[in-house]
């Protein structure tokens, strides 16, 4: 039996939310777990309920739906639902799964849900088959326009870059790899690596210091790296337990 897709609707118009909700609940593959009328409500709902997909309006009472993607640390798939077609290119630039125009057509929504279901199944299957890496395993990557092998233990940190990820090595060289963060999280040795943000995984051996600011925020500084890396509140407690801070 296929797992249901947990969905949240974010739209400032109650009628639009109700209309889309009525369409979504008619599909057995979807479990509608919440609705939000603002970005503030949406962030709290997403971080609490961890949806698989968010159906997101763009122009909302002085707010822009694109901002939500920078406010949340939780990974989710995005389907934009809007009355305007001028945002379509930007939507796909931020890796949206689909772009639906209001009023939403039933057949068009069915295509979106099929795409979501196929993607989820494929990702689950791919992740389950990924081999675990050890600290001494080597990867073949392009560094300074040349192909080189690097050891897993020589990766300082990894940052997301869409469907790619950027590796920063012990020599502060950068390599772009076609691999998503969730795949790294499955494969990397847990003893050495820790996710600290939706977009960042670090090698614990290269942590220089961690600085707290406020009640729920912190920064991590890596050895030999000038800039700091943000630690999101969702990963802070786990990182604290690793370093006793």
Protein backbone atom coordinates (compact mmCIF):
# COMPACT_ATOMS: atom_id res chain seq x y z
CA UNK A 1 0.00 0.00 0.00
CA UNK A 2 1.38 3.41 -1.01
CA UNK A 3 2.07 5.95 1.73
CA UNK A 4 -0.16 9.01 1.63
CA UNK A 5 1.37 12.38 0.77
CA UNK A 6 1.03 14.78 3.70
CA UNK A 7 -0.02 18.15 2.31
CA UNK A 8 -0.41 21.73 3.56
CA UNK A 9 -2.14 24.60 1.76
CA UNK A 10 -0.75 28.11 2.16
CA UNK A 11 -3.03 30.86 0.81
CA UNK A 12 -4.34 34.09 2.33
CA UNK A 13 -7.80 33.63 0.77
CA UNK A 14 -10.05 31.28 2.80
CA UNK A 15 -12.25 30.55 -0.23
CA UNK A 16 -9.22 29.54 -2.33
CA UNK A 17 -7.97 27.26 0.47
CA UNK A 18 -11.37 25.63 0.82
CA UNK A 19 -11.68 25.09 -2.94
CA UNK A 20 -8.27 23.44 -3.22
CA UNK A 21 -8.82 21.43 -0.03
CA UNK A 22 -12.04 19.99 -1.45
CA UNK A 23 -10.17 18.86 -4.55
CA UNK A 24 -7.24 17.37 -2.62
CA UNK A 25 -9.26 15.33 -0.14
CA UNK A 26 -10.99 13.57 -3.02
CA UNK A 27 -7.70 11.82 -3.78
CA UNK A 28 -6.84 8.82 -1.61
CA UNK A 29 -3.12 9.49 -2.05
CA UNK A 30 -3.32 12.83 -0.20
CA UNK A 31 -3.69 13.56 3.51
CA UNK A 32 -4.42 17.26 4.05
CA UNK A 33 -2.82 18.02 7.41
CA UNK A 34 -3.20 21.79 7.60
CA UNK A 35 -3.99 25.17 6.08
CA UNK A 36 -2.21 28.49 6.66
CA UNK A 37 -3.21 32.02 5.74
CA UNK A 38 0.18 33.67 6.21
CA UNK A 39 3.88 32.85 6.05
CA UNK A 40 4.19 33.00 9.84
CA UNK A 41 1.44 30.40 10.25
CA UNK A 42 2.95 28.34 7.45
CA UNK A 43 6.44 28.18 8.99
CA UNK A 44 5.09 26.99 12.34
CA UNK A 45 2.79 24.44 10.69
CA UNK A 46 5.53 23.08 8.42
CA UNK A 47 8.12 22.73 11.17
CA UNK A 48 5.58 21.02 13.45
CA UNK A 49 3.96 18.67 10.93
CA UNK A 50 6.76 18.11 8.37
CA UNK A 51 4.61 17.82 5.22
CA UNK A 52 5.70 16.09 2.03
CA UNK A 53 4.29 18.85 -0.16
CA UNK A 54 3.15 22.45 0.27
CA UNK A 55 0.61 23.97 -2.13
CA UNK A 56 1.75 27.57 -2.02
CA UNK A 57 0.19 30.81 -3.23
CA UNK A 58 2.56 33.59 -4.29
CA UNK A 59 0.93 37.00 -3.80
CA UNK A 60 -0.54 36.97 -0.30
CA UNK A 61 -1.60 40.16 1.48
CA UNK A 62 1.77 41.93 1.21
CA UNK A 63 3.77 38.69 1.44
CA UNK A 64 5.47 36.68 -1.27
CA UNK A 65 5.23 32.90 -1.23
CA UNK A 66 8.82 32.54 -2.45
CA UNK A 67 9.97 33.90 0.92
CA UNK A 68 8.68 30.76 2.62
CA UNK A 69 11.42 28.68 1.01
CA UNK A 70 14.04 30.73 2.89
CA UNK A 71 12.17 30.71 6.20
CA UNK A 72 11.79 26.94 6.63
CA UNK A 73 14.49 24.45 7.58
CA UNK A 74 12.29 21.44 6.82
CA UNK A 75 12.55 19.84 3.39
CA UNK A 76 9.33 19.62 1.39
CA UNK A 77 8.20 19.66 -2.21
CA UNK A 78 6.53 22.81 -3.51
CA UNK A 79 3.61 23.23 -5.86
CA UNK A 80 2.80 26.87 -6.57
CA UNK A 81 -0.90 27.68 -6.95
CA UNK A 82 -1.50 31.21 -8.19
CA UNK A 83 -3.68 33.42 -10.36
CA UNK A 84 -0.61 34.85 -12.10
CA UNK A 85 1.50 33.20 -14.80
CA UNK A 86 4.49 35.58 -14.70
CA UNK A 87 6.19 33.70 -11.86
CA UNK A 88 6.43 30.35 -13.64
CA UNK A 89 10.10 30.62 -14.65
CA UNK A 90 11.17 31.66 -11.17
CA UNK A 91 9.10 28.85 -9.67
CA UNK A 92 10.98 26.19 -11.59
CA UNK A 93 14.30 27.92 -10.83
CA UNK A 94 13.64 27.12 -7.15
CA UNK A 95 12.86 23.50 -8.06
CA UNK A 96 9.08 23.65 -7.73
CA UNK A 97 7.41 20.38 -8.67
CA UNK A 98 4.61 22.14 -10.54
CA UNK A 99 2.89 25.47 -11.18
CA UNK A 100 -0.90 25.53 -11.14
CA UNK A 101 -3.05 28.45 -12.24
CA UNK A 102 -6.26 29.33 -10.40
CA UNK A 103 -8.95 28.17 -10.65
CA UNK A 104 -7.31 24.77 -10.41
CA UNK A 105 -8.44 22.28 -13.00
CA UNK A 106 -9.20 18.79 -11.65
CA UNK A 107 -7.37 17.00 -14.45
CA UNK A 108 -4.36 19.29 -14.13
CA UNK A 109 -4.21 18.65 -10.38
CA UNK A 110 -4.34 14.90 -11.03
CA UNK A 111 -1.23 15.24 -13.21
CA UNK A 112 0.56 17.09 -10.41
CA UNK A 113 -0.32 14.45 -7.84
CA UNK A 114 0.84 11.66 -10.13
CA UNK A 115 4.15 13.47 -10.60
CA UNK A 116 4.49 13.88 -6.83
CA UNK A 117 3.69 10.23 -6.20
CA UNK A 118 6.15 9.03 -8.83
CA UNK A 119 8.90 11.29 -7.48
CA UNK A 120 8.34 10.18 -3.90
CA UNK A 121 8.38 6.49 -4.81
CA UNK A 122 11.51 6.91 -6.93
CA UNK A 123 13.32 8.85 -4.20
CA UNK A 124 12.43 6.30 -1.53
CA UNK A 125 13.62 3.46 -3.74
CA UNK A 126 16.83 5.29 -4.66
CA UNK A 127 17.62 6.21 -1.05
CA UNK A 128 17.04 2.68 0.21
CA UNK A 129 19.56 1.36 -2.31
CA UNK A 130 22.34 3.85 -1.56
CA UNK A 131 25.49 2.29 -0.07
CA UNK A 132 26.84 3.56 3.24
CA UNK A 133 30.14 5.41 2.90
CA UNK A 134 33.07 5.20 5.30
CA UNK A 135 35.49 7.98 6.20
CA UNK A 136 38.19 6.41 4.01
CA UNK A 137 36.05 5.85 0.92
CA UNK A 138 36.97 8.01 -2.07
CA UNK A 139 34.90 10.06 -4.50
CA UNK A 140 35.89 11.11 -8.00
CA UNK A 141 35.14 14.83 -8.38
CA UNK A 142 36.24 17.78 -10.49
CA UNK A 143 38.62 20.13 -8.66
CA UNK A 144 40.25 23.07 -10.47
CA UNK A 145 38.96 21.64 -13.77
CA UNK A 146 40.69 18.31 -13.17
CA UNK A 147 39.26 14.99 -12.05
CA UNK A 148 40.58 14.00 -8.63
CA UNK A 149 39.83 11.46 -5.93
CA UNK A 150 39.04 12.84 -2.49
CA UNK A 151 38.46 10.94 0.72
CA UNK A 152 35.14 11.34 2.49
CA UNK A 153 37.02 12.38 5.63
CA UNK A 154 38.58 15.29 3.67
CA UNK A 155 35.20 16.94 3.05
CA UNK A 156 34.79 19.89 5.43
CA UNK A 157 31.17 20.63 4.66
CA UNK A 158 28.49 20.29 2.00
CA UNK A 159 25.93 22.89 0.93
CA UNK A 160 22.85 22.41 -1.22
CA UNK A 161 22.76 23.79 -4.76
CA UNK A 162 19.39 22.75 -6.18
CA UNK A 163 19.63 19.20 -7.50
CA UNK A 164 23.38 19.44 -6.93
CA UNK A 165 25.53 19.90 -3.87
CA UNK A 166 28.80 21.74 -3.38
CA UNK A 167 31.61 20.05 -1.46
CA UNK A 168 34.27 22.08 0.31
CA UNK A 169 37.45 20.11 0.94
CA UNK A 170 40.22 20.21 3.52
CA UNK A 171 42.19 22.39 1.06
CA UNK A 172 39.19 24.72 0.67
CA UNK A 173 38.63 23.56 -2.90
CA UNK A 174 35.06 23.42 -4.19
CA UNK A 175 33.44 20.62 -6.19
CA UNK A 176 29.92 20.45 -7.59
CA UNK A 177 28.31 17.00 -7.40
CA UNK A 178 24.93 15.88 -8.77
CA UNK A 179 23.61 14.56 -5.50
CA UNK A 180 20.90 15.91 -3.20
CA UNK A 181 21.29 16.57 0.50
CA UNK A 182 18.95 13.76 1.52
CA UNK A 183 21.19 11.33 -0.36
CA UNK A 184 24.29 12.58 1.45
CA UNK A 185 22.45 12.28 4.75
CA UNK A 186 21.70 8.62 4.04
CA UNK A 187 25.22 7.77 2.84
CA UNK A 188 27.65 9.72 5.01
CA UNK A 189 29.07 8.10 8.16
CA UNK A 190 27.01 9.37 11.11
CA UNK A 191 30.04 9.34 13.39
CA UNK A 192 31.73 12.05 11.32
CA UNK A 193 28.97 14.10 9.73
CA UNK A 194 26.01 16.08 11.04
CA UNK A 195 23.27 18.02 9.28
CA UNK A 196 22.94 21.52 10.75
CA UNK A 197 20.51 23.12 8.32
CA UNK A 198 18.19 22.23 5.46
CA UNK A 199 21.03 23.28 3.15
CA UNK A 200 24.14 22.26 5.09
CA UNK A 201 25.97 19.15 6.35
CA UNK A 202 29.28 19.49 8.23
CA UNK A 203 32.20 17.26 9.07
CA UNK A 204 32.40 17.33 12.88
CA UNK A 205 36.17 16.86 12.78
CA UNK A 206 36.61 20.31 11.27
CA UNK A 207 34.42 22.26 13.71
CA UNK A 208 36.43 25.07 15.29
CA UNK A 209 33.78 26.61 17.54
CA UNK A 210 30.06 27.05 18.02
CA UNK A 211 28.64 30.41 19.09
CA UNK A 212 25.15 30.84 20.50
CA UNK A 213 23.04 33.94 19.94
CA UNK A 214 19.52 34.25 21.22
CA UNK A 215 17.63 31.29 22.67
CA UNK A 216 17.38 29.11 19.58
CA UNK A 217 20.10 30.29 17.21
CA UNK A 218 23.77 29.43 16.78
CA UNK A 219 26.65 29.64 14.34
CA UNK A 220 29.34 27.10 13.61
CA UNK A 221 32.84 28.07 12.50
CA UNK A 222 34.90 25.54 10.55
CA UNK A 223 38.68 25.31 10.73
CA UNK A 224 40.33 27.32 7.98
CA UNK A 225 37.02 28.81 6.80
CA UNK A 226 36.39 32.53 7.28
CA UNK A 227 32.61 32.55 6.98
CA UNK A 228 30.29 31.02 9.56
CA UNK A 229 27.54 28.50 8.88
CA UNK A 230 24.04 28.89 10.32
CA UNK A 231 22.63 26.18 12.57
CA UNK A 232 18.85 25.99 12.39
CA UNK A 233 16.87 25.49 15.57
CA UNK A 234 15.62 22.13 14.30
CA UNK A 235 19.15 20.70 14.31
CA UNK A 236 20.68 22.69 17.18
CA UNK A 237 19.74 20.31 20.01
CA UNK A 238 21.20 17.33 18.15
CA UNK A 239 24.44 19.19 17.46
CA UNK A 240 24.64 20.33 21.09
CA UNK A 241 24.45 16.72 22.22
CA UNK A 242 27.42 15.88 20.00
CA UNK A 243 29.58 18.69 21.43
CA UNK A 244 28.06 19.14 24.89
CA UNK A 245 27.43 22.86 24.34
